[in-house]
Amino acid sequence: MGVPDFFAALSWRDGLDLGLLGLITYGALRLLRGTRVVPVLLAVAFLIGMSFVARALDLVAVATVLRYFLEYIIMILIVVFQQELRRFLLRLGQRLLPGSRRRTMQSSLDEMVTAVDRLRRARVGAMIVLEGHLEASAVCSDPGVEVDAAVKASTLVALAAPHPVNTAHDGALLLRGGHIVRCGMICPLSGRDGLDPRFGTRHRGAIGLSEECDALVIVISEERGEVRAVHLGECSDPLEPGELRAKIDVWLASVDQRPAVPTGGTADRPTDSAATSASGFEAGTDGASHSLTPRSTARSEDASVASEGGAR
């Protein structure tokens, strides 16, 4: 049967079948893009092709070994990539049932900004993670302790404050919707070169976490009393409370517009004007600080000086 005869024999059901299969494959590869699963799947596809070739050439030994190996490959992949599989199913469900972070978090933002300002003034180091569509704790080396509390300034300060009975204060706090759901999370450190040399473990952990998911990470420096926001691997300049609130609003809008970003390695970052417009962020010009500043809240040095003078 020639190629024209093959296509002539296809019915509309065959076309629908192939189209749906291609769509499912494309969607799965998009969700898995950037993870360590893709190279393994390519290797498995290569072995399947080799198995067909071995049977066609009547290579009995090779065909037998590959057949037994491929019979157990599904179980092997489930065991080896259980975390990636869980992440894939989570992301698939979040794409099918998208929710608005803006509605669920808006009421708790004032409390959180108040808590951040208190910690900044008291020079208490802390890291607060606002979870987007991807599960932030799944990429942490230690997911910390489960918490179920409403977002209140006093609760956030108590969880972040260092004292002998609070062993989780060095880790990150995780906010999901209008609730505090975890504390004491240990975030993956970024290994990227060119970061600000003043950044310590807390800032590198915030950058590393934001490279793996779409969360907005707020970092309070105990040494300098500065507040910075980190998103998609980029760290902002020091922020005042009003600027932090504007930064969060921009992030919420970008999360509502963009369902998810790939995990693994480095998260996708805006690379053109369209992506920048969608996220509402643009990279600053200071390469050392890796600033990421909302265009609507850009501030001048004079305004910063005036603000500091008013605070005194």
Protein backbone atom coordinates (compact mmCIF):
# COMPACT_ATOMS: atom_id res chain seq x y z
CA MET A 1 0.00 0.00 0.00
CA GLY A 2 1.43 3.34 -1.04
CA VAL A 3 1.30 6.59 0.91
CA PRO A 4 -1.72 7.97 -1.05
CA ASP A 5 -3.62 4.72 -0.47
CA PHE A 6 -2.77 4.85 3.24
CA PHE A 7 -4.23 8.33 3.67
CA ALA A 8 -7.23 7.46 1.49
CA ALA A 9 -8.03 4.54 3.80
CA LEU A 10 -8.11 6.79 6.89
CA SER A 11 -11.56 7.65 8.24
CA TRP A 12 -12.51 10.77 10.19
CA ARG A 13 -12.29 8.68 13.38
CA ASP A 14 -8.68 7.80 12.56
CA GLY A 15 -7.94 11.49 12.01
CA LEU A 16 -9.60 12.40 15.31
CA ASP A 17 -7.69 9.62 17.06
CA LEU A 18 -4.33 10.79 15.72
CA GLY A 19 -5.15 14.44 16.40
CA LEU A 20 -6.07 13.78 20.05
CA LEU A 21 -2.97 11.63 20.51
CA GLY A 22 -0.79 14.41 19.13
CA LEU A 23 -2.51 17.00 21.33
CA ILE A 24 -2.05 14.88 24.46
CA THR A 25 1.61 14.25 23.61
CA TYR A 26 2.22 17.96 22.98
CA GLY A 27 0.53 18.97 26.23
CA ALA A 28 2.46 16.39 28.24
CA LEU A 29 5.79 17.50 26.76
CA ARG A 30 4.94 21.14 27.52
CA LEU A 31 4.16 20.31 31.15
CA LEU A 32 7.32 18.20 31.46
CA ARG A 33 9.55 20.69 29.63
CA GLY A 34 12.66 21.59 31.62
CA THR A 35 12.47 18.56 33.92
CA ARG A 36 14.82 15.58 34.04
CA VAL A 37 12.02 13.31 32.78
CA VAL A 38 12.27 14.42 29.14
CA PRO A 39 15.77 12.98 28.45
CA VAL A 40 14.70 9.69 30.03
CA LEU A 41 11.56 9.54 27.88
CA LEU A 42 13.69 10.15 24.79
CA ALA A 43 15.98 7.30 25.86
CA VAL A 44 12.97 5.00 26.34
CA ALA A 45 11.65 5.96 22.89
CA PHE A 46 15.07 5.12 21.45
CA LEU A 47 15.01 1.69 23.14
CA ILE A 48 11.51 1.00 21.80
CA GLY A 49 12.74 1.85 18.31
CA MET A 50 15.74 -0.44 18.79
CA SER A 51 13.38 -3.22 19.88
CA PHE A 52 11.42 -2.93 16.61
CA VAL A 53 14.65 -2.93 14.61
CA ALA A 54 15.96 -6.00 16.49
CA ARG A 55 12.78 -7.95 15.79
CA ALA A 56 12.77 -6.89 12.15
CA LEU A 57 16.38 -8.09 11.75
CA ASP A 58 15.68 -11.24 13.81
CA LEU A 59 18.28 -10.34 16.47
CA VAL A 60 16.90 -12.73 19.08
CA ALA A 61 19.18 -11.91 22.01
CA VAL A 62 18.85 -8.12 21.70
CA ALA A 63 15.10 -8.32 21.12
CA THR A 64 14.61 -10.57 24.17
CA VAL A 65 16.61 -8.32 26.51
CA LEU A 66 14.83 -5.19 25.32
CA ARG A 67 11.42 -6.86 25.59
CA TYR A 68 11.95 -7.85 29.23
CA PHE A 69 13.38 -4.43 30.04
CA LEU A 70 10.49 -2.54 28.45
CA GLU A 71 7.95 -4.72 30.29
CA TYR A 72 9.16 -3.30 33.61
CA ILE A 73 10.08 0.21 32.45
CA ILE A 74 6.73 1.70 33.55
CA MET A 75 7.21 0.55 37.14
CA ILE A 76 10.83 1.72 37.09
CA LEU A 77 9.83 5.18 35.85
CA ILE A 78 7.07 5.50 38.48
CA VAL A 79 9.53 4.69 41.28
CA VAL A 80 12.37 6.88 40.00
CA PHE A 81 10.24 9.85 38.98
CA GLN A 82 7.47 9.76 41.56
CA GLN A 83 8.09 13.39 42.57
CA GLU A 84 8.06 14.57 38.94
CA LEU A 85 4.92 12.52 38.25
CA ARG A 86 3.18 14.06 41.25
CA ARG A 87 4.21 17.52 40.07
CA PHE A 88 2.98 16.76 36.55
CA LEU A 89 -0.45 15.62 37.75
CA LEU A 90 -0.70 18.64 40.05
CA ARG A 91 0.07 21.04 37.23
CA LEU A 92 -2.37 19.25 34.93
CA GLY A 93 -5.15 19.63 37.47
CA GLN A 94 -4.31 23.29 38.03
CA ARG A 95 -4.52 23.97 34.31
CA LEU A 96 -7.89 22.23 34.04
CA LEU A 97 -9.28 24.06 37.09
CA PRO A 98 -7.53 27.45 37.22
CA GLY A 99 -8.30 29.66 40.22
CA SER A 100 -7.77 33.33 40.84
CA ARG A 101 -5.06 34.04 43.41
CA ARG A 102 -6.11 37.70 43.38
CA ARG A 103 -9.52 37.02 44.95
CA THR A 104 -8.29 34.59 47.60
CA MET A 105 -5.22 36.59 48.69
CA GLN A 106 -6.39 40.19 48.38
CA SER A 107 -7.94 40.33 51.86
CA SER A 108 -4.78 39.06 53.57
CA LEU A 109 -2.27 41.32 51.80
CA ASP A 110 -2.54 44.22 54.25
CA GLU A 111 -1.81 41.90 57.17
CA MET A 112 1.19 40.41 55.40
CA VAL A 113 2.66 43.79 54.39
CA THR A 114 2.23 44.99 57.99
CA ALA A 115 4.07 41.91 59.27
CA VAL A 116 6.89 42.40 56.77
CA ASP A 117 7.30 46.03 57.85
CA ARG A 118 7.43 45.02 61.53
CA LEU A 119 10.08 42.40 60.83
CA ARG A 120 12.08 44.89 58.75
CA ARG A 121 12.05 47.52 61.51
CA ALA A 122 13.04 44.91 64.12
CA ARG A 123 15.84 43.62 61.83
CA VAL A 124 14.44 40.09 61.92
CA GLY A 125 15.44 38.02 58.91
CA ALA A 126 12.61 36.10 57.28
CA MET A 127 11.38 34.64 54.01
CA ILE A 128 7.70 34.59 53.02
CA VAL A 129 6.64 32.59 49.96
CA LEU A 130 3.42 33.48 48.14
CA GLU A 131 2.52 30.32 46.25
CA GLY A 132 1.39 30.58 42.64
CA HIS A 133 0.05 27.74 40.54
CA LEU A 134 2.96 25.38 41.25
CA GLU A 135 3.46 23.71 44.62
CA ALA A 136 6.44 25.49 46.16
CA SER A 137 7.09 22.93 48.92
CA ALA A 138 7.58 20.17 46.31
CA VAL A 139 10.90 21.68 45.20
CA CYS A 140 12.24 22.34 48.71
CA SER A 141 14.85 20.07 50.27
CA ASP A 142 12.79 20.18 53.48
CA PRO A 143 9.07 21.03 53.15
CA GLY A 144 8.97 22.17 56.76
CA VAL A 145 6.04 21.87 59.15
CA GLU A 146 2.38 21.97 58.17
CA VAL A 147 0.43 24.94 59.53
CA ASP A 148 -3.21 25.92 59.14
CA ALA A 149 -3.67 29.54 60.18
CA ALA A 150 -5.22 32.66 58.73
CA VAL A 151 -2.79 35.31 57.50
CA LYS A 152 -2.48 37.73 60.42
CA ALA A 153 0.41 40.10 61.06
CA SER A 154 0.86 38.84 64.63
CA THR A 155 0.93 35.20 63.49
CA LEU A 156 3.50 35.85 60.77
CA VAL A 157 5.74 37.79 63.17
CA ALA A 158 5.49 35.04 65.80
CA LEU A 159 6.39 32.31 63.29
CA ALA A 160 9.35 34.30 61.91
CA ALA A 161 10.73 35.58 65.23
CA PRO A 162 13.85 33.77 66.48
CA HIS A 163 13.47 32.30 69.97
CA PRO A 164 14.53 28.99 71.55
CA VAL A 165 11.21 27.17 71.12
CA ASN A 166 10.74 28.25 67.48
CA THR A 167 13.11 25.98 65.60
CA ALA A 168 11.50 26.77 62.23
CA HIS A 169 12.23 30.51 62.16
CA ASP A 170 15.23 30.09 59.84
CA GLY A 171 13.08 28.49 57.15
CA ALA A 172 10.50 30.04 54.84
CA LEU A 173 6.83 30.65 55.53
CA LEU A 174 4.45 29.45 52.81
CA LEU A 175 1.20 31.31 52.08
CA ARG A 176 -1.43 29.67 49.92
CA GLY A 177 -4.50 31.73 49.22
CA GLY A 178 -5.44 33.44 52.48
CA HIS A 179 -3.78 30.89 54.77
CA ILE A 180 -0.36 30.12 56.20
CA VAL A 181 0.13 26.47 55.28
CA ARG A 182 3.80 25.75 56.09
CA CYS A 183 6.73 27.11 58.06
CA GLY A 184 10.40 26.17 58.28
CA MET A 185 10.77 25.27 54.60
CA ILE A 186 14.38 24.86 53.44
CA CYS A 187 14.63 26.28 49.93
CA PRO A 188 17.08 25.13 47.22
CA LEU A 189 20.03 27.49 46.88
CA SER A 190 20.64 29.12 43.53
CA GLY A 191 23.96 28.19 41.96
CA ARG A 192 23.81 31.02 39.43
CA ASP A 193 26.90 33.16 38.95
CA GLY A 194 26.80 36.94 39.04
CA LEU A 195 24.50 37.37 42.04
CA ASP A 196 24.99 40.33 44.35
CA PRO A 197 27.92 39.39 46.64
CA ARG A 198 25.96 40.78 49.59
CA PHE A 199 23.33 38.07 49.18
CA GLY A 200 23.56 35.36 51.81
CA THR A 201 21.90 31.99 52.21
CA ARG A 202 18.42 33.45 52.65
CA HIS A 203 18.53 35.49 49.43
CA ARG A 204 20.12 32.64 47.45
CA GLY A 205 17.43 30.30 48.74
CA ALA A 206 14.72 32.73 47.65
CA ILE A 207 16.25 33.02 44.18
CA GLY A 208 16.71 29.25 43.95
CA LEU A 209 13.08 28.58 44.88
CA SER A 210 11.77 31.16 42.41
CA GLU A 211 13.82 29.49 39.66
CA GLU A 212 11.90 26.26 40.26
CA CYS A 213 8.32 27.56 40.51
CA ASP A 214 6.15 30.62 39.91
CA ALA A 215 6.01 31.81 43.53
CA LEU A 216 6.74 35.36 44.69
CA VAL A 217 9.29 35.23 47.52
CA ILE A 218 9.62 38.13 49.96
CA VAL A 219 12.97 38.34 51.77
CA ILE A 220 13.72 40.46 54.85
CA SER A 221 17.41 41.04 55.54
CA GLU A 222 18.32 41.11 59.23
CA GLU A 223 21.69 42.76 58.52
CA ARG A 224 20.48 45.68 56.38
CA GLY A 225 16.79 45.83 57.30
CA GLU A 226 15.84 45.62 53.62
CA VAL A 227 12.84 44.00 51.98
CA ARG A 228 13.19 42.51 48.50
CA ALA A 229 10.84 40.53 46.28
CA VAL A 230 12.07 37.63 44.12
CA HIS A 231 10.20 36.21 41.13
CA LEU A 232 11.38 33.84 38.37
CA GLY A 233 14.96 34.04 39.59
CA GLU A 234 15.15 37.85 39.64
CA CYS A 235 15.56 39.92 42.81
CA SER A 236 14.15 43.42 43.18
CA ASP A 237 15.75 46.50 44.69
CA PRO A 238 14.89 47.25 48.36
CA LEU A 239 11.17 48.00 48.66
CA GLU A 240 9.08 50.24 50.89
CA PRO A 241 5.69 48.90 52.12
CA GLY A 242 3.72 50.64 49.36
CA GLU A 243 6.10 49.38 46.70
CA LEU A 244 5.90 45.85 48.10
CA ARG A 245 2.11 45.95 47.89
CA ALA A 246 2.32 47.16 44.27
CA LYS A 247 4.82 44.38 43.50
CA ILE A 248 2.43 41.77 44.91
CA ASP A 249 -0.49 43.19 42.91
CA VAL A 250 1.58 42.94 39.71
CA TRP A 251 2.53 39.35 40.55
CA LEU A 252 -1.08 38.39 41.26
CA ALA A 253 -2.14 39.80 37.91
CA SER A 254 0.64 37.90 36.12
CA VAL A 255 -0.26 34.62 37.86
CA ASP A 256 -3.92 35.02 36.89
CA GLN A 257 -2.92 35.61 33.26
CA ARG A 258 -0.20 32.90 33.07
CA PRO A 259 -1.42 29.53 34.41
CA ALA A 260 2.02 28.09 35.20
CA VAL A 261 5.69 28.05 34.33
CA PRO A 262 7.85 24.97 33.82
CA THR A 263 9.84 23.66 36.74
CA GLY A 264 13.29 22.18 36.85
CA GLY A 265 16.55 23.95 36.11
CA THR A 266 15.61 27.57 35.64
CA ALA A 267 12.10 28.91 35.34
CA ASP A 268 11.08 30.56 32.13
CA ARG A 269 11.65 34.28 32.30
CA PRO A 270 10.13 37.01 30.13
CA THR A 271 12.36 37.38 27.08
CA ASP A 272 10.46 39.87 24.97
CA SER A 273 8.17 42.86 25.26
CA ALA A 274 5.04 40.74 25.06
CA ALA A 275 6.08 38.51 27.93
CA THR A 276 7.17 41.53 29.94
CA SER A 277 3.80 43.18 29.39
CA ALA A 278 1.99 40.03 30.48
CA SER A 279 3.91 39.69 33.73
CA GLY A 280 4.08 43.40 34.48
CA PHE A 281 7.77 43.22 35.41
CA GLU A 282 10.87 44.35 33.62
CA ALA A 283 14.50 43.64 34.51
CA GLY A 284 16.44 46.56 35.95
CA THR A 285 19.72 47.78 34.60
CA ASP A 286 21.77 46.90 37.64
CA GLY A 287 23.27 43.54 36.76
CA ALA A 288 24.75 43.02 40.18
CA SER A 289 21.48 43.32 42.05
CA HIS A 290 19.37 41.53 39.41
CA SER A 291 16.59 44.03 40.00
CA LEU A 292 13.10 43.38 38.82
CA THR A 293 10.98 46.49 39.19
CA PRO A 294 7.30 47.09 38.40
CA ARG A 295 7.13 49.89 35.88
CA SER A 296 4.26 51.52 37.69
CA THR A 297 6.29 51.85 40.91
CA ALA A 298 9.73 52.85 39.68
CA ARG A 299 11.31 55.25 42.14
CA SER A 300 14.11 57.76 41.99
CA GLU A 301 16.97 58.21 44.39
CA ASP A 302 15.52 61.56 45.54
CA ALA A 303 12.23 59.93 46.47
CA SER A 304 14.09 57.25 48.43
CA VAL A 305 16.10 59.83 50.36
CA ALA A 306 12.98 61.84 51.09
CA SER A 307 11.20 58.75 52.34
CA GLU A 308 14.05 57.82 54.67
CA GLY A 309 14.18 61.35 56.00
CA GLY A 310 10.45 61.30 56.71
CA ALA A 311 10.81 58.01 58.57
CA ARG A 312 13.37 59.54 60.88
